[in-house]
């Protein structure tokens, strides 16, 4: 089996009654093991979708239906290890993000071993998103594929439509469980199994056909009462206390500052209810965060030990961040918004691209393997790298840039929303997306320029006499 190259993400989900505008929101940092791995933003039209799919990593072949939908996608630029589409929104306004790598334990793997020749993160968006017409249908299709082909890894996958959000976690090689996120709730999910309390009789849960029987037959439940899937199938390791749990703790601390938890706590809740309505800007902050205003901030004033103790959410290995928004207060033609940014999230902004298009702007569609500042992926990575050299010095420039850029994007979005009548909708939205990409490139370039100009005065290679 070829090398697996992803696997260190963070997910945020927001129900429609918990969001500021009534949208459903699923979002994720698509992180990897390497600092750089160029990503692109494309549209897969029906004629471009394969009818027979072959995975690179496992080699498995899957026959696909003849009626795929169009969908947005964020594939790798270098395809040595496969496409890795990451996330997208299809032409029926169904969103999918795949995947959040999660943990497991030897007890379930002894019952249902991972399937070396199965499907995995490389494959899931391609195999599922073009064929589903609701979030619930996404769970059903992926669940059937997992039971038929198996998987060689443990993952969490998010689906959404205008009404519902579902979160599915793979269990062992062939089993799975999924839970509907309440409309009033949010979720912050790191790289561990996240689903806790689970009701096999609820209409808001789905699961593989043998899952309940497996728990009973093999005596897998460690609790005296109740069913907690994280306890049964997940981990509670020392690594979780420093790598996973603190990310959940910080996201929950941001949305519910009135609730006090320990960052290492193993039983932080899966489903949470915010103390205010959540905006896109809030989600982006959490997905960019590095424990600001705590002693664990890698850019902060804490001790060297504290600053290195926990794995931050925003990290040099962020390859993209996507926030998939399905709106309820606009016509269906413009309901799907694929917010996107590339590179480490500390010095970028998400751009609200309309999903109902046939093509994407060149500066986002292309990301060469070699460095190219005309492409947003490389421009964003460069800005983050320079910002990392002196965060305190550059952060005010970042804040001003982020405010101005997000205001500009929202202004374009508001004007686009307001003038739909009589338009060829796909062409109209493609032009709007081009405006958004042009503004994003302009603002990101200005930020980098401002940082270079200001930073040049602070170079060590200087001498301060009147020369």
Protein backbone atom coordinates (compact mmCIF):
# COMPACT_ATOMS: atom_id res chain seq x y z
CA UNK A 1 0.00 0.00 0.00
CA UNK A 2 1.29 3.47 -0.91
CA UNK A 3 2.08 6.12 1.66
CA UNK A 4 -0.85 7.82 3.37
CA UNK A 5 -0.14 11.56 3.54
CA UNK A 6 -2.91 13.32 5.47
CA UNK A 7 -4.42 13.00 8.88
CA UNK A 8 -4.19 15.82 11.44
CA UNK A 9 -7.33 17.93 11.05
CA UNK A 10 -9.82 19.84 13.22
CA UNK A 11 -13.58 20.02 12.50
CA UNK A 12 -16.23 22.57 13.55
CA UNK A 13 -19.96 21.95 12.92
CA UNK A 14 -22.75 24.49 13.52
CA UNK A 15 -26.48 23.73 13.39
CA UNK A 16 -28.87 26.12 11.64
CA UNK A 17 -30.35 27.49 14.88
CA UNK A 18 -26.89 28.02 16.35
CA UNK A 19 -25.61 30.04 13.37
CA UNK A 20 -26.10 33.78 13.09
CA UNK A 21 -28.03 33.64 9.79
CA UNK A 22 -29.79 30.27 9.99
CA UNK A 23 -27.27 28.45 7.78
CA UNK A 24 -25.91 25.00 8.38
CA UNK A 25 -22.10 25.04 8.59
CA UNK A 26 -19.59 22.21 8.35
CA UNK A 27 -15.93 23.14 8.36
CA UNK A 28 -12.48 21.63 8.72
CA UNK A 29 -8.79 22.35 8.63
CA UNK A 30 -7.37 19.95 6.06
CA UNK A 31 -4.00 19.27 7.70
CA UNK A 32 -1.23 16.89 6.74
CA UNK A 33 2.03 15.48 8.01
CA UNK A 34 4.07 17.88 5.85
CA UNK A 35 4.10 21.67 6.13
CA UNK A 36 3.49 22.12 2.40
CA UNK A 37 1.27 20.10 0.07
CA UNK A 38 -0.28 22.32 -2.64
CA UNK A 39 -4.09 22.24 -2.87
CA UNK A 40 -6.41 23.47 -5.63
CA UNK A 41 -10.05 24.59 -5.81
CA UNK A 42 -11.92 23.09 -8.77
CA UNK A 43 -15.35 22.06 -10.03
CA UNK A 44 -15.92 18.48 -11.17
CA UNK A 45 -18.57 18.54 -13.89
CA UNK A 46 -20.59 15.35 -14.56
CA UNK A 47 -18.63 14.46 -17.69
CA UNK A 48 -15.38 14.61 -15.69
CA UNK A 49 -16.52 12.20 -12.98
CA UNK A 50 -15.18 8.66 -13.50
CA UNK A 51 -17.60 5.76 -13.99
CA UNK A 52 -15.04 3.30 -12.68
CA UNK A 53 -12.92 4.57 -9.83
CA UNK A 54 -9.56 3.09 -8.83
CA UNK A 55 -7.82 4.15 -5.64
CA UNK A 56 -4.08 4.78 -5.69
CA UNK A 57 -3.36 3.83 -2.07
CA UNK A 58 -5.33 0.59 -1.74
CA UNK A 59 -5.78 -0.20 -5.43
CA UNK A 60 -9.48 -0.95 -4.95
CA UNK A 61 -11.83 -0.52 -7.93
CA UNK A 62 -15.38 0.77 -7.42
CA UNK A 63 -18.09 0.92 -10.09
CA UNK A 64 -19.93 4.26 -9.91
CA UNK A 65 -23.44 5.28 -11.04
CA UNK A 66 -24.02 6.96 -14.42
CA UNK A 67 -25.77 10.07 -13.08
CA UNK A 68 -23.26 12.13 -11.05
CA UNK A 69 -23.98 15.66 -9.89
CA UNK A 70 -21.59 18.55 -10.37
CA UNK A 71 -19.56 19.41 -7.25
CA UNK A 72 -16.79 21.63 -5.93
CA UNK A 73 -13.61 19.95 -4.75
CA UNK A 74 -10.23 20.75 -3.15
CA UNK A 75 -7.88 18.11 -4.59
CA UNK A 76 -4.15 17.73 -4.21
CA UNK A 77 -2.01 19.30 -6.91
CA UNK A 78 0.49 16.46 -6.80
CA UNK A 79 -1.46 13.26 -7.51
CA UNK A 80 1.18 10.69 -6.63
CA UNK A 81 -0.96 9.40 -3.75
CA UNK A 82 -4.37 10.09 -5.28
CA UNK A 83 -6.88 12.92 -5.62
CA UNK A 84 -7.71 13.64 -1.93
CA UNK A 85 -10.67 15.96 -2.72
CA UNK A 86 -11.10 16.99 0.97
CA UNK A 87 -14.54 18.63 0.70
CA UNK A 88 -17.16 20.13 -1.56
CA UNK A 89 -20.75 21.14 -2.24
CA UNK A 90 -22.75 19.46 -5.02
CA UNK A 91 -25.34 21.00 -7.33
CA UNK A 92 -28.16 19.93 -4.98
CA UNK A 93 -26.59 22.00 -2.15
CA UNK A 94 -25.35 18.98 -0.23
CA UNK A 95 -21.98 19.47 1.48
CA UNK A 96 -19.41 16.89 2.56
CA UNK A 97 -16.06 17.17 4.37
CA UNK A 98 -13.85 14.07 4.48
CA UNK A 99 -12.02 13.37 6.62
CA UNK A 100 -11.12 13.97 10.25
CA UNK A 101 -8.66 11.22 11.17
CA UNK A 102 -9.77 9.66 14.47
CA UNK A 103 -8.53 7.18 17.07
CA UNK A 104 -9.61 3.67 17.91
CA UNK A 105 -8.58 0.83 20.25
CA UNK A 106 -7.35 -2.75 20.07
CA UNK A 107 -10.61 -4.21 21.38
CA UNK A 108 -12.67 -3.27 18.32
CA UNK A 109 -9.76 -3.86 15.92
CA UNK A 110 -9.52 -7.39 17.33
CA UNK A 111 -13.17 -7.91 16.35
CA UNK A 112 -13.25 -5.95 13.08
CA UNK A 113 -9.71 -5.39 11.73
CA UNK A 114 -8.95 -2.57 9.33
CA UNK A 115 -9.29 -3.56 5.66
CA UNK A 116 -5.98 -3.03 3.84
CA UNK A 117 -7.68 -3.19 0.43
CA UNK A 118 -10.58 -0.92 1.44
CA UNK A 119 -11.47 2.73 0.87
CA UNK A 120 -10.07 5.75 2.72
CA UNK A 121 -9.73 9.51 2.86
CA UNK A 122 -8.22 9.58 -0.62
CA UNK A 123 -11.48 8.26 -2.07
CA UNK A 124 -14.53 9.24 -0.05
CA UNK A 125 -15.63 12.56 -1.55
CA UNK A 126 -15.33 11.18 -5.10
CA UNK A 127 -17.31 8.05 -4.20
CA UNK A 128 -20.12 9.79 -2.30
CA UNK A 129 -20.70 13.51 -2.89
CA UNK A 130 -21.76 13.38 -6.58
CA UNK A 131 -24.56 10.89 -5.81
CA UNK A 132 -26.41 12.25 -2.77
CA UNK A 133 -29.43 14.53 -2.44
CA UNK A 134 -29.49 15.03 1.34
CA UNK A 135 -27.12 14.82 4.27
CA UNK A 136 -28.94 11.75 5.54
CA UNK A 137 -28.52 10.10 2.14
CA UNK A 138 -24.79 10.83 2.37
CA UNK A 139 -24.60 8.82 5.58
CA UNK A 140 -26.56 5.96 4.00
CA UNK A 141 -24.36 5.79 0.88
CA UNK A 142 -21.07 6.02 2.73
CA UNK A 143 -22.25 3.48 5.31
CA UNK A 144 -23.11 1.00 2.56
CA UNK A 145 -19.69 1.48 0.93
CA UNK A 146 -17.92 0.94 4.26
CA UNK A 147 -19.82 -2.28 4.93
CA UNK A 148 -19.15 -3.56 1.40
CA UNK A 149 -15.51 -2.55 0.87
CA UNK A 150 -14.20 -1.78 4.35
CA UNK A 151 -11.65 0.90 5.24
CA UNK A 152 -7.96 0.86 6.10
CA UNK A 153 -8.17 3.79 8.55
CA UNK A 154 -10.39 5.43 11.16
CA UNK A 155 -12.12 8.64 10.08
CA UNK A 156 -14.89 11.12 10.86
CA UNK A 157 -16.95 12.57 7.99
CA UNK A 158 -19.42 15.49 7.98
CA UNK A 159 -22.49 15.93 5.76
CA UNK A 160 -24.94 18.82 5.59
CA UNK A 161 -27.91 20.14 3.68
CA UNK A 162 -30.02 23.23 4.41
CA UNK A 163 -31.74 21.52 7.34
CA UNK A 164 -29.49 18.85 8.81
CA UNK A 165 -25.89 18.11 9.76
CA UNK A 166 -24.72 14.52 10.23
CA UNK A 167 -21.41 13.28 11.62
CA UNK A 168 -20.28 9.74 10.75
CA UNK A 169 -17.37 7.89 12.36
CA UNK A 170 -15.88 4.68 11.02
CA UNK A 171 -15.50 1.86 13.54
CA UNK A 172 -12.99 -0.89 12.86
CA UNK A 173 -12.71 -2.05 9.26
CA UNK A 174 -16.39 -2.32 8.26
CA UNK A 175 -18.59 -0.76 10.92
CA UNK A 176 -19.73 2.82 11.48
CA UNK A 177 -22.02 5.08 13.49
CA UNK A 178 -23.54 8.47 12.68
CA UNK A 179 -25.35 11.11 14.70
CA UNK A 180 -27.44 14.09 13.65
CA UNK A 181 -26.19 17.33 15.19
CA UNK A 182 -29.06 19.20 16.91
CA UNK A 183 -30.07 22.42 15.17
CA UNK A 184 -29.19 24.50 18.25
CA UNK A 185 -25.78 22.85 18.74
CA UNK A 186 -22.16 23.01 17.64
CA UNK A 187 -19.29 20.51 17.63
CA UNK A 188 -15.51 20.89 17.84
CA UNK A 189 -13.91 17.60 16.79
CA UNK A 190 -10.16 16.82 16.86
CA UNK A 191 -8.26 13.66 15.81
CA UNK A 192 -9.99 11.23 18.13
CA UNK A 193 -13.28 9.38 18.17
CA UNK A 194 -15.79 12.05 19.14
CA UNK A 195 -19.30 10.60 19.38
CA UNK A 196 -20.10 9.95 23.05
CA UNK A 197 -23.71 9.21 24.16
CA UNK A 198 -25.53 7.16 21.53
CA UNK A 199 -29.13 5.93 21.31
CA UNK A 200 -29.62 3.01 18.94
CA UNK A 201 -33.39 3.61 18.93
CA UNK A 202 -33.29 7.30 17.95
CA UNK A 203 -34.28 8.71 14.55
CA UNK A 204 -31.23 10.95 14.90
CA UNK A 205 -28.73 8.09 14.78
CA UNK A 206 -27.68 5.60 12.10
CA UNK A 207 -25.22 2.74 12.31
CA UNK A 208 -23.90 -0.40 10.62
CA UNK A 209 -26.15 -3.44 10.73
CA UNK A 210 -24.11 -5.46 13.25
CA UNK A 211 -22.79 -2.67 15.48
CA UNK A 212 -25.13 -3.08 18.46
CA UNK A 213 -24.68 -6.85 18.43
CA UNK A 214 -20.87 -6.52 18.34
CA UNK A 215 -20.88 -4.43 21.52
CA UNK A 216 -22.91 -7.07 23.35
CA UNK A 217 -21.33 -10.19 21.87
CA UNK A 218 -17.72 -9.14 22.51
CA UNK A 219 -18.40 -7.32 25.80
CA UNK A 220 -16.91 -4.04 24.59
CA UNK A 221 -18.77 -1.54 26.81
CA UNK A 222 -16.61 -0.46 29.78
CA UNK A 223 -19.41 1.60 31.38
CA UNK A 224 -21.88 0.24 33.92
CA UNK A 225 -24.70 2.26 32.38
CA UNK A 226 -25.44 3.93 29.04
CA UNK A 227 -23.80 3.64 25.64
CA UNK A 228 -20.84 5.95 25.04
CA UNK A 229 -19.21 5.16 21.68
CA UNK A 230 -16.05 7.11 22.53
CA UNK A 231 -15.56 4.88 25.58
CA UNK A 232 -16.38 1.72 23.63
CA UNK A 233 -14.51 2.24 20.36
CA UNK A 234 -12.17 5.19 20.92
CA UNK A 235 -9.09 6.00 22.96
CA UNK A 236 -8.30 7.82 26.17
CA UNK A 237 -4.54 7.97 25.78
CA UNK A 238 -1.83 10.29 27.08
CA UNK A 239 -1.45 11.53 23.51
CA UNK A 240 -5.13 12.54 23.51
CA UNK A 241 -4.51 14.75 26.55
CA UNK A 242 -1.94 16.88 24.71
CA UNK A 243 -2.75 16.41 21.01
CA UNK A 244 -6.53 16.21 20.81
CA UNK A 245 -8.45 17.24 23.93
CA UNK A 246 -6.92 20.75 24.21
CA UNK A 247 -8.21 21.68 20.75
CA UNK A 248 -11.76 20.75 21.72
CA UNK A 249 -11.29 22.58 25.03
CA UNK A 250 -10.22 25.81 23.32
CA UNK A 251 -13.07 25.76 20.78
CA UNK A 252 -15.61 25.13 23.53
CA UNK A 253 -13.97 27.83 25.67
CA UNK A 254 -14.45 30.30 22.80
CA UNK A 255 -18.13 29.46 22.20
CA UNK A 256 -18.95 28.94 25.90
CA UNK A 257 -16.49 30.94 28.04
CA UNK A 258 -18.79 30.57 31.03
CA UNK A 259 -18.13 26.81 31.20
CA UNK A 260 -14.83 25.78 32.80
CA UNK A 261 -13.10 22.55 31.77
CA UNK A 262 -9.56 21.22 31.97
CA UNK A 263 -7.78 21.20 28.57
CA UNK A 264 -6.59 17.62 29.13
CA UNK A 265 -10.01 16.26 30.09
CA UNK A 266 -10.91 13.03 28.30
CA UNK A 267 -14.69 13.46 28.50
CA UNK A 268 -15.27 16.88 26.99
CA UNK A 269 -18.77 16.72 25.48
CA UNK A 270 -19.34 16.02 21.79
CA UNK A 271 -22.57 18.06 21.46
CA UNK A 272 -22.44 21.62 22.85
CA UNK A 273 -24.79 24.61 22.88
CA UNK A 274 -23.25 28.08 22.36
CA UNK A 275 -24.05 31.14 24.48
CA UNK A 276 -24.53 33.24 21.32
CA UNK A 277 -25.16 32.71 17.61
CA UNK A 278 -22.06 31.67 15.66
CA UNK A 279 -20.74 33.50 12.58
CA UNK A 280 -18.38 32.44 9.79
CA UNK A 281 -15.80 34.74 11.39
CA UNK A 282 -16.16 32.85 14.67
CA UNK A 283 -15.58 29.51 12.96
CA UNK A 284 -12.54 30.86 11.14
CA UNK A 285 -11.08 32.19 14.40
CA UNK A 286 -11.37 28.81 16.08
CA UNK A 287 -9.84 27.02 13.09
CA UNK A 288 -6.94 29.52 13.08
CA UNK A 289 -6.40 29.57 16.83
CA UNK A 290 -3.26 28.73 18.78
CA UNK A 291 -4.56 29.09 22.36
CA UNK A 292 -4.59 32.90 22.33
CA UNK A 293 -4.88 34.53 25.78
CA UNK A 294 -3.68 31.39 27.53
CA UNK A 295 -0.24 30.31 28.71
CA UNK A 296 -0.26 27.63 25.98
CA UNK A 297 -0.12 30.13 23.08
CA UNK A 298 2.94 29.29 20.96
CA UNK A 299 3.31 33.02 20.25
CA UNK A 300 2.50 34.06 23.82
CA UNK A 301 4.41 34.87 26.99
CA UNK A 302 4.04 31.52 28.76
CA UNK A 303 6.95 29.32 29.70
CA UNK A 304 8.81 27.40 27.02
CA UNK A 305 7.32 24.18 28.38
CA UNK A 306 3.73 25.47 28.38
CA UNK A 307 4.01 26.84 24.83
CA UNK A 308 5.12 23.44 23.54
CA UNK A 309 2.74 21.33 25.62
CA UNK A 310 -0.37 21.25 23.38
CA UNK A 311 -0.91 20.88 19.64
CA UNK A 312 -2.61 24.08 18.36
CA UNK A 313 -5.55 24.17 15.92
CA UNK A 314 -3.93 26.65 13.53
CA UNK A 315 -0.62 25.04 12.62
CA UNK A 316 2.03 25.13 9.89
CA UNK A 317 0.52 21.93 8.48
CA UNK A 318 -2.85 23.54 7.57
CA UNK A 319 -3.12 22.93 3.81
CA UNK A 320 -6.56 24.47 3.46
CA UNK A 321 -9.48 25.50 5.61
CA UNK A 322 -12.97 25.08 4.18
CA UNK A 323 -16.23 26.33 5.68
CA UNK A 324 -19.19 24.86 3.79
CA UNK A 325 -22.28 26.97 4.33
CA UNK A 326 -25.79 26.09 3.11
CA UNK A 327 -27.96 29.17 3.49
CA UNK A 328 -31.70 29.18 4.21
CA UNK A 329 -32.56 32.85 3.58
CA UNK A 330 -31.73 33.00 -0.14
CA UNK A 331 -32.83 31.21 -3.34
CA UNK A 332 -31.49 27.68 -3.79
CA UNK A 333 -29.36 28.78 -6.76
CA UNK A 334 -27.08 30.75 -4.43
CA UNK A 335 -27.52 28.84 -1.17
CA UNK A 336 -24.21 26.94 -1.25
CA UNK A 337 -21.13 28.95 -0.25
CA UNK A 338 -17.74 27.24 -0.28
CA UNK A 339 -15.59 29.46 1.95
CA UNK A 340 -11.91 28.68 1.39
CA UNK A 341 -8.37 29.66 2.34
CA UNK A 342 -5.00 27.99 1.82
CA UNK A 343 -1.92 27.51 3.98
CA UNK A 344 -1.35 28.04 7.69
CA UNK A 345 -4.44 29.87 8.97
CA UNK A 346 -2.70 32.55 11.04
CA UNK A 347 -2.27 34.97 8.10
CA UNK A 348 -5.08 34.25 5.62
CA UNK A 349 -8.80 34.89 5.15
CA UNK A 350 -11.58 32.62 3.93
CA UNK A 351 -13.25 33.70 0.67
CA UNK A 352 -16.99 33.02 0.08
CA UNK A 353 -17.05 31.29 -3.29
CA UNK A 354 -20.46 30.43 -4.76
CA UNK A 355 -20.70 26.67 -5.29
CA UNK A 356 -23.23 26.73 -8.16
CA UNK A 357 -20.58 27.23 -10.87
CA UNK A 358 -18.93 25.23 -13.65
CA UNK A 359 -15.39 26.53 -13.12
CA UNK A 360 -13.21 28.33 -10.57
CA UNK A 361 -10.78 31.31 -10.76
CA UNK A 362 -7.28 30.56 -12.03
CA UNK A 363 -5.49 31.83 -8.91
CA UNK A 364 -7.36 29.22 -6.82
CA UNK A 365 -7.70 26.48 -9.47
CA UNK A 366 -3.95 26.14 -9.99
CA UNK A 367 -1.21 25.41 -7.47
CA UNK A 368 2.04 24.29 -9.04
CA UNK A 369 4.39 21.93 -7.28
CA UNK A 370 6.96 24.69 -7.56
CA UNK A 371 6.70 28.09 -5.85
CA UNK A 372 4.53 30.66 -7.67
CA UNK A 373 3.37 33.87 -5.98
CA UNK A 374 0.61 34.37 -8.59
CA UNK A 375 -1.21 31.42 -7.04
CA UNK A 376 -3.14 31.89 -3.81
CA UNK A 377 -1.81 28.72 -2.21
CA UNK A 378 1.81 29.86 -2.43
CA UNK A 379 1.02 33.49 -1.62
CA UNK A 380 -0.80 32.45 1.56
CA UNK A 381 1.99 30.11 2.62
CA UNK A 382 4.59 32.85 2.14
CA UNK A 383 2.64 35.34 4.23
CA UNK A 384 2.24 32.82 7.06
CA UNK A 385 5.94 32.00 7.01
CA UNK A 386 6.98 35.66 7.30
CA UNK A 387 4.37 36.27 10.01
CA UNK A 388 5.77 33.39 12.02
CA UNK A 389 9.18 35.14 12.29
CA UNK A 390 7.75 37.88 14.55
CA UNK A 391 4.06 37.31 15.28
CA UNK A 392 3.68 40.19 17.74
CA UNK A 393 5.14 42.64 15.23
CA UNK A 394 2.98 41.50 12.29
CA UNK A 395 -0.30 40.59 14.00
CA UNK A 396 -1.82 44.10 13.86
CA UNK A 397 -1.20 44.17 10.11
CA UNK A 398 -2.92 40.79 9.90
CA UNK A 399 -5.90 42.04 11.89
CA UNK A 400 -6.36 45.13 9.71
CA UNK A 401 -6.04 43.03 6.56
CA UNK A 402 -8.55 40.48 7.79
CA UNK A 403 -11.16 43.11 8.66
CA UNK A 404 -10.79 44.94 5.33
CA UNK A 405 -10.70 41.78 3.23
CA UNK A 406 -13.70 40.12 4.89
CA UNK A 407 -15.71 43.34 4.56
CA UNK A 408 -14.86 43.49 0.85
CA UNK A 409 -15.84 39.87 0.30
CA UNK A 410 -19.13 40.31 2.13
CA UNK A 411 -19.88 43.44 0.10
CA UNK A 412 -19.42 41.51 -3.15
CA UNK A 413 -21.55 38.68 -1.80
CA UNK A 414 -24.36 41.04 -0.72
CA UNK A 415 -24.41 42.77 -4.13
CA UNK A 416 -24.35 39.43 -5.95
CA UNK A 417 -27.23 38.09 -3.86
CA UNK A 418 -29.31 41.18 -4.58
CA UNK A 419 -29.15 41.12 -8.40
CA UNK A 420 -30.13 37.63 -9.56
CA UNK A 421 -33.07 38.53 -11.81
CA UNK A 422 -32.57 37.83 -15.52
CA UNK A 423 -29.09 36.32 -15.12
CA UNK A 424 -27.52 33.18 -16.53
CA UNK A 425 -26.92 31.97 -13.01
CA UNK A 426 -23.78 29.90 -13.54
CA UNK A 427 -22.02 32.61 -15.56
CA UNK A 428 -23.18 35.29 -13.15
CA UNK A 429 -21.79 33.45 -10.14
CA UNK A 430 -18.55 32.62 -11.94
CA UNK A 431 -18.03 36.35 -12.53
CA UNK A 432 -18.75 37.02 -8.85
CA UNK A 433 -16.23 34.36 -7.85
CA UNK A 434 -13.63 35.95 -10.11
CA UNK A 435 -14.20 39.30 -8.37
CA UNK A 436 -13.79 37.57 -5.02
CA UNK A 437 -10.57 35.85 -6.12
CA UNK A 438 -9.17 39.10 -7.50
CA UNK A 439 -9.94 40.92 -4.26
CA UNK A 440 -8.42 38.09 -2.23
CA UNK A 441 -5.22 38.13 -4.29
CA UNK A 442 -5.04 41.92 -3.99
CA UNK A 443 -5.50 41.99 -0.22
CA UNK A 444 -3.15 39.06 0.42
CA UNK A 445 -0.47 40.65 -1.78
CA UNK A 446 -0.85 43.98 0.02
CA UNK A 447 -0.49 42.27 3.39
CA UNK A 448 2.69 40.52 2.29
CA UNK A 449 4.04 43.79 0.88
CA UNK A 450 3.27 45.70 4.07
CA UNK A 451 4.99 43.00 6.10
CA UNK A 452 8.09 43.03 3.90
CA UNK A 453 8.37 46.83 4.01
CA UNK A 454 7.90 47.06 7.77
CA UNK A 455 10.00 43.99 8.51
CA UNK A 456 12.94 45.25 6.49
CA UNK A 457 13.50 47.95 9.11
CA UNK A 458 13.95 45.23 11.75
CA UNK A 459 16.52 43.10 9.96
CA UNK A 460 19.58 42.13 11.99
CA UNK A 461 21.74 43.03 8.99
CA UNK A 462 21.89 46.76 9.74
CA UNK A 463 24.14 49.42 11.31
CA UNK A 464 22.70 52.47 13.03
CA UNK A 465 25.20 55.28 12.41
CA UNK A 466 24.49 58.04 9.91
CA UNK A 467 25.67 56.17 6.85
